[in-house]
Amino acid sequence: MPLPIGGTISKAGVPTSGVAQQITATVVGTITGSGNATFTLTAAGMAGSPLAISVAVLDTELAAATATRARAALAANAVVAAFFTVGGTGADVLLTRMRSAANDATMNLAYTNDTCTGLTPDATSTATAAGVKGDFVGLESGQFVLDSTNGNFYQNTGTYLVPTWTLYPNV
């Protein structure tokens, strides 16, 4: 069976699959005074980094509700949305980088009380997944790379931003 490729891209050795870096901030505290909380996102290569995002919160709001508001505010910010997918459940705010890249040790999501009260400020988020730059980022899903050392074909079963190279069965 012929491989569906228009040209051959080759690499000496097995191509590296990518891993999109993830960080998680877990919101702690119950709001005791309405106002704004500030979530500060830092990431190398992100425009305006560090970027402070203001999140309106209400008195008696639990951590999970504050995190839901933070996820919405982060996802609505054009700079953040171009760089990360925003997710998480409960009190967790999970940010996943859109593209595989080498691990960024500066990536962080901190939060604190601004005009609100009740949050337990946290200056450091948790590294959920370390970033790994995949070979041939930008090569569409379904495309192939030839391992010119071993004569194997690998197919991108991931995305063009986060490639996952899977050994193609012998043809």
C-alpha atoms as a PDB file:
ATOM      1  CA  MET A   1       0.000   0.000   0.000  1.00  0.00           C
ATOM      2  CA  PRO A   2       1.561   3.344  -0.994  1.00  0.00           C
ATOM      3  CA  LEU A   3       1.939   6.072   1.607  1.00  0.00           C
ATOM      4  CA  PRO A   4      -0.271   9.144   1.066  1.00  0.00           C
ATOM      5  CA  ILE A   5       2.527  11.696   0.935  1.00  0.00           C
ATOM      6  CA  GLY A   6       3.286  14.353  -1.620  1.00  0.00           C
ATOM      7  CA  GLY A   7       6.979  14.528  -0.741  1.00  0.00           C
ATOM      8  CA  THR A   8       9.233  12.947   1.818  1.00  0.00           C
ATOM      9  CA  ILE A   9      10.462  14.774   4.887  1.00  0.00           C
ATOM     10  CA  SER A  10      13.253  12.845   6.511  1.00  0.00           C
ATOM     11  CA  LYS A  11      15.065  12.845   9.816  1.00  0.00           C
ATOM     12  CA  ALA A  12      17.955  10.733  11.055  1.00  0.00           C
ATOM     13  CA  GLY A  13      16.245   8.795  13.851  1.00  0.00           C
ATOM     14  CA  VAL A  14      12.800   8.688  15.375  1.00  0.00           C
ATOM     15  CA  PRO A  15      10.981  12.055  15.350  1.00  0.00           C
ATOM     16  CA  THR A  16      10.151  13.560  18.756  1.00  0.00           C
ATOM     17  CA  SER A  17       6.481  13.854  19.701  1.00  0.00           C
ATOM     18  CA  GLY A  18       5.463  17.133  21.257  1.00  0.00           C
ATOM     19  CA  VAL A  19       3.953  17.820  24.660  1.00  0.00           C
ATOM     20  CA  ALA A  20       1.955  20.970  25.302  1.00  0.00           C
ATOM     21  CA  GLN A  21       3.018  22.460  28.636  1.00  0.00           C
ATOM     22  CA  GLN A  22       0.325  22.757  31.320  1.00  0.00           C
ATOM     23  CA  ILE A  23       0.061  24.666  34.575  1.00  0.00           C
ATOM     24  CA  THR A  24      -2.662  24.559  37.219  1.00  0.00           C
ATOM     25  CA  ALA A  25      -3.607  27.177  39.788  1.00  0.00           C
ATOM     26  CA  THR A  26      -5.915  25.955  42.542  1.00  0.00           C
ATOM     27  CA  VAL A  27      -7.985  28.777  43.988  1.00  0.00           C
ATOM     28  CA  VAL A  28      -8.264  28.736  47.799  1.00  0.00           C
ATOM     29  CA  GLY A  29     -10.575  30.842  49.925  1.00  0.00           C
ATOM     30  CA  THR A  30     -14.152  32.079  50.219  1.00  0.00           C
ATOM     31  CA  ILE A  31     -14.824  35.661  49.179  1.00  0.00           C
ATOM     32  CA  THR A  32     -15.656  37.754  52.263  1.00  0.00           C
ATOM     33  CA  GLY A  33     -15.873  41.075  50.447  1.00  0.00           C
ATOM     34  CA  SER A  34     -17.006  41.661  46.848  1.00  0.00           C
ATOM     35  CA  GLY A  35     -14.562  43.279  44.434  1.00  0.00           C
ATOM     36  CA  ASN A  36     -11.870  42.133  42.036  1.00  0.00           C
ATOM     37  CA  ALA A  37      -9.248  39.425  42.230  1.00  0.00           C
ATOM     38  CA  THR A  38      -6.131  39.663  40.062  1.00  0.00           C
ATOM     39  CA  PHE A  39      -4.806  36.653  38.159  1.00  0.00           C
ATOM     40  CA  THR A  40      -1.307  37.258  36.778  1.00  0.00           C
ATOM     41  CA  LEU A  41      -0.139  35.047  33.911  1.00  0.00           C
ATOM     42  CA  THR A  42       3.528  34.829  32.962  1.00  0.00           C
ATOM     43  CA  ALA A  43       4.842  32.957  29.915  1.00  0.00           C
ATOM     44  CA  ALA A  44       7.919  33.420  27.747  1.00  0.00           C
ATOM     45  CA  GLY A  45       6.915  34.631  24.292  1.00  0.00           C
ATOM     46  CA  MET A  46       3.406  35.726  25.290  1.00  0.00           C
ATOM     47  CA  ALA A  47       2.647  39.345  24.404  1.00  0.00           C
ATOM     48  CA  GLY A  48       2.461  41.597  27.465  1.00  0.00           C
ATOM     49  CA  SER A  49       3.834  38.976  29.853  1.00  0.00           C
ATOM     50  CA  PRO A  50       3.297  39.159  32.771  1.00  0.00           C
ATOM     51  CA  LEU A  51      -0.359  39.851  32.042  1.00  0.00           C
ATOM     52  CA  ALA A  52      -2.709  40.864  34.894  1.00  0.00           C
ATOM     53  CA  ILE A  53      -6.354  39.869  34.422  1.00  0.00           C
ATOM     54  CA  SER A  54      -8.988  41.374  36.729  1.00  0.00           C
ATOM     55  CA  VAL A  55     -11.801  39.026  37.793  1.00  0.00           C
ATOM     56  CA  ALA A  56     -14.968  40.369  39.456  1.00  0.00           C
ATOM     57  CA  VAL A  57     -16.023  38.235  42.449  1.00  0.00           C
ATOM     58  CA  LEU A  58     -18.935  38.347  44.885  1.00  0.00           C
ATOM     59  CA  ASP A  59     -19.232  38.120  48.656  1.00  0.00           C
ATOM     60  CA  THR A  60     -19.679  34.515  49.972  1.00  0.00           C
ATOM     61  CA  GLU A  61     -18.451  33.050  46.665  1.00  0.00           C
ATOM     62  CA  LEU A  62     -16.634  29.736  47.132  1.00  0.00           C
ATOM     63  CA  ALA A  63     -13.281  28.902  45.515  1.00  0.00           C
ATOM     64  CA  ALA A  64     -14.889  26.846  42.720  1.00  0.00           C
ATOM     65  CA  ALA A  65     -17.092  29.794  41.683  1.00  0.00           C
ATOM     66  CA  THR A  66     -14.099  32.148  41.708  1.00  0.00           C
ATOM     67  CA  ALA A  67     -12.130  29.678  39.564  1.00  0.00           C
ATOM     68  CA  THR A  68     -15.060  29.466  37.113  1.00  0.00           C
ATOM     69  CA  ARG A  69     -15.023  33.263  36.806  1.00  0.00           C
ATOM     70  CA  ALA A  70     -11.235  33.237  36.360  1.00  0.00           C
ATOM     71  CA  ARG A  71     -11.439  30.593  33.613  1.00  0.00           C
ATOM     72  CA  ALA A  72     -14.036  32.689  31.782  1.00  0.00           C
ATOM     73  CA  ALA A  73     -11.988  35.900  32.100  1.00  0.00           C
ATOM     74  CA  LEU A  74      -8.776  34.212  30.949  1.00  0.00           C
ATOM     75  CA  ALA A  75     -10.500  32.525  27.979  1.00  0.00           C
ATOM     76  CA  ALA A  76     -12.073  35.854  26.957  1.00  0.00           C
ATOM     77  CA  ASN A  77      -8.686  37.612  26.821  1.00  0.00           C
ATOM     78  CA  ALA A  78      -7.431  37.610  23.207  1.00  0.00           C
ATOM     79  CA  VAL A  79      -3.745  37.371  24.173  1.00  0.00           C
ATOM     80  CA  VAL A  80      -4.358  34.433  26.505  1.00  0.00           C
ATOM     81  CA  ALA A  81      -6.670  32.674  24.022  1.00  0.00           C
ATOM     82  CA  ALA A  82      -4.020  32.908  21.294  1.00  0.00           C
ATOM     83  CA  PHE A  83      -1.426  31.239  23.524  1.00  0.00           C
ATOM     84  CA  PHE A  84      -3.385  28.820  25.764  1.00  0.00           C
ATOM     85  CA  THR A  85      -6.484  26.728  26.025  1.00  0.00           C
ATOM     86  CA  VAL A  86      -8.216  27.383  29.320  1.00  0.00           C
ATOM     87  CA  GLY A  87      -9.833  24.586  31.279  1.00  0.00           C
ATOM     88  CA  GLY A  88     -10.153  23.010  34.662  1.00  0.00           C
ATOM     89  CA  THR A  89     -12.925  22.006  37.030  1.00  0.00           C
ATOM     90  CA  GLY A  90     -13.877  22.946  40.545  1.00  0.00           C
ATOM     91  CA  ALA A  91     -11.285  25.241  42.098  1.00  0.00           C
ATOM     92  CA  ASP A  92      -8.634  24.419  39.445  1.00  0.00           C
ATOM     93  CA  VAL A  93      -7.674  26.741  36.595  1.00  0.00           C
ATOM     94  CA  LEU A  94      -5.766  24.719  33.988  1.00  0.00           C
ATOM     95  CA  LEU A  95      -3.825  26.412  31.193  1.00  0.00           C
ATOM     96  CA  THR A  96      -2.468  24.346  28.302  1.00  0.00           C
ATOM     97  CA  ARG A  97      -0.073  25.925  25.839  1.00  0.00           C
ATOM     98  CA  MET A  98      -1.450  25.789  22.281  1.00  0.00           C
ATOM     99  CA  ARG A  99       1.801  24.622  20.717  1.00  0.00           C
ATOM    100  CA  SER A 100       4.446  22.165  21.757  1.00  0.00           C
ATOM    101  CA  ALA A 101       7.622  23.927  22.801  1.00  0.00           C
ATOM    102  CA  ALA A 102      10.526  23.405  25.145  1.00  0.00           C
ATOM    103  CA  ASN A 103       9.503  23.672  28.782  1.00  0.00           C
ATOM    104  CA  ASP A 104       9.128  27.281  29.949  1.00  0.00           C
ATOM    105  CA  ALA A 105      10.309  27.512  33.564  1.00  0.00           C
ATOM    106  CA  THR A 106       8.795  31.012  33.857  1.00  0.00           C
ATOM    107  CA  MET A 107       5.227  29.892  33.031  1.00  0.00           C
ATOM    108  CA  ASN A 108       3.038  30.709  36.029  1.00  0.00           C
ATOM    109  CA  LEU A 109      -0.485  31.711  37.025  1.00  0.00           C
ATOM    110  CA  ALA A 110      -0.631  33.595  40.324  1.00  0.00           C
ATOM    111  CA  TYR A 111      -3.675  35.133  41.994  1.00  0.00           C
ATOM    112  CA  THR A 112      -4.358  37.557  44.806  1.00  0.00           C
ATOM    113  CA  ASN A 113      -7.014  39.820  46.300  1.00  0.00           C
ATOM    114  CA  ASP A 114      -7.203  43.188  44.580  1.00  0.00           C
ATOM    115  CA  THR A 115     -10.272  45.042  45.830  1.00  0.00           C
ATOM    116  CA  CYS A 116     -11.906  41.848  47.149  1.00  0.00           C
ATOM    117  CA  THR A 117     -11.129  39.999  50.367  1.00  0.00           C
ATOM    118  CA  GLY A 118     -11.122  36.336  51.293  1.00  0.00           C
ATOM    119  CA  LEU A 119      -8.776  34.659  48.832  1.00  0.00           C
ATOM    120  CA  THR A 120      -5.638  32.972  50.076  1.00  0.00           C
ATOM    121  CA  PRO A 121      -3.130  34.508  47.612  1.00  0.00           C
ATOM    122  CA  ASP A 122      -0.907  32.057  45.755  1.00  0.00           C
ATOM    123  CA  ALA A 123       2.120  33.295  43.824  1.00  0.00           C
ATOM    124  CA  THR A 124       3.007  29.912  42.318  1.00  0.00           C
ATOM    125  CA  SER A 125       0.979  27.567  40.140  1.00  0.00           C
ATOM    126  CA  THR A 126       1.717  23.855  39.737  1.00  0.00           C
ATOM    127  CA  ALA A 127       3.500  22.494  36.667  1.00  0.00           C
ATOM    128  CA  THR A 128       1.021  19.866  35.451  1.00  0.00           C
ATOM    129  CA  ALA A 129       2.889  18.770  32.285  1.00  0.00           C
ATOM    130  CA  ALA A 130       6.351  19.800  31.130  1.00  0.00           C
ATOM    131  CA  GLY A 131       6.589  21.118  27.587  1.00  0.00           C
ATOM    132  CA  VAL A 132       8.480  19.210  24.896  1.00  0.00           C
ATOM    133  CA  LYS A 133       8.963  20.638  21.418  1.00  0.00           C
ATOM    134  CA  GLY A 134       7.899  18.105  18.826  1.00  0.00           C
ATOM    135  CA  ASP A 135       9.789  17.654  15.579  1.00  0.00           C
ATOM    136  CA  PHE A 136       8.167  19.244  12.539  1.00  0.00           C
ATOM    137  CA  VAL A 137       5.648  21.432  14.388  1.00  0.00           C
ATOM    138  CA  GLY A 138       3.367  22.735  11.639  1.00  0.00           C
ATOM    139  CA  LEU A 139       3.150  19.473   9.699  1.00  0.00           C
ATOM    140  CA  GLU A 140      -0.536  18.624   9.386  1.00  0.00           C
ATOM    141  CA  SER A 141      -2.082  15.597  11.061  1.00  0.00           C
ATOM    142  CA  GLY A 142      -1.849  12.551   8.794  1.00  0.00           C
ATOM    143  CA  GLN A 143       1.447  13.578   7.198  1.00  0.00           C
ATOM    144  CA  PHE A 144       4.559  11.392   7.302  1.00  0.00           C
ATOM    145  CA  VAL A 145       8.231  11.649   8.203  1.00  0.00           C
ATOM    146  CA  LEU A 146      10.863   9.131   7.112  1.00  0.00           C
ATOM    147  CA  ASP A 147      13.408   7.984   9.691  1.00  0.00           C
ATOM    148  CA  SER A 148      16.351   7.917   7.277  1.00  0.00           C
ATOM    149  CA  THR A 149      18.513   5.985   9.762  1.00  0.00           C
ATOM    150  CA  ASN A 150      16.186   3.025  10.288  1.00  0.00           C
ATOM    151  CA  GLY A 151      13.983   3.248   7.206  1.00  0.00           C
ATOM    152  CA  ASN A 152      10.733   3.636   9.164  1.00  0.00           C
ATOM    153  CA  PHE A 153       7.828   5.929   8.388  1.00  0.00           C
ATOM    154  CA  TYR A 154       6.113   7.877  11.182  1.00  0.00           C
ATOM    155  CA  GLN A 155       2.685   9.453  10.826  1.00  0.00           C
ATOM    156  CA  ASN A 156       1.583  12.570  12.712  1.00  0.00           C
ATOM    157  CA  THR A 157      -1.445  11.365  14.684  1.00  0.00           C
ATOM    158  CA  GLY A 158      -1.489  14.563  16.754  1.00  0.00           C
ATOM    159  CA  THR A 159      -2.123  18.099  15.548  1.00  0.00           C
ATOM    160  CA  TYR A 160       0.006  20.525  13.579  1.00  0.00           C
ATOM    161  CA  LEU A 161       0.717  22.419  16.817  1.00  0.00           C
ATOM    162  CA  VAL A 162       1.441  19.342  18.963  1.00  0.00           C
ATOM    163  CA  PRO A 163       2.621  16.524  16.691  1.00  0.00           C
ATOM    164  CA  THR A 164       2.537  12.914  17.867  1.00  0.00           C
ATOM    165  CA  TRP A 165       4.683  10.619  15.737  1.00  0.00           C
ATOM    166  CA  THR A 166       3.344   7.070  15.446  1.00  0.00           C
ATOM    167  CA  LEU A 167       5.248   4.277  13.733  1.00  0.00           C
ATOM    168  CA  TYR A 168       3.474   3.473  10.481  1.00  0.00           C
ATOM    169  CA  PRO A 169       3.044  -0.271   9.857  1.00  0.00           C
ATOM    170  CA  ASN A 170       5.496  -1.853   7.414  1.00  0.00           C
ATOM    171  CA  VAL A 171       4.343  -1.373   3.846  1.00  0.00           C
END
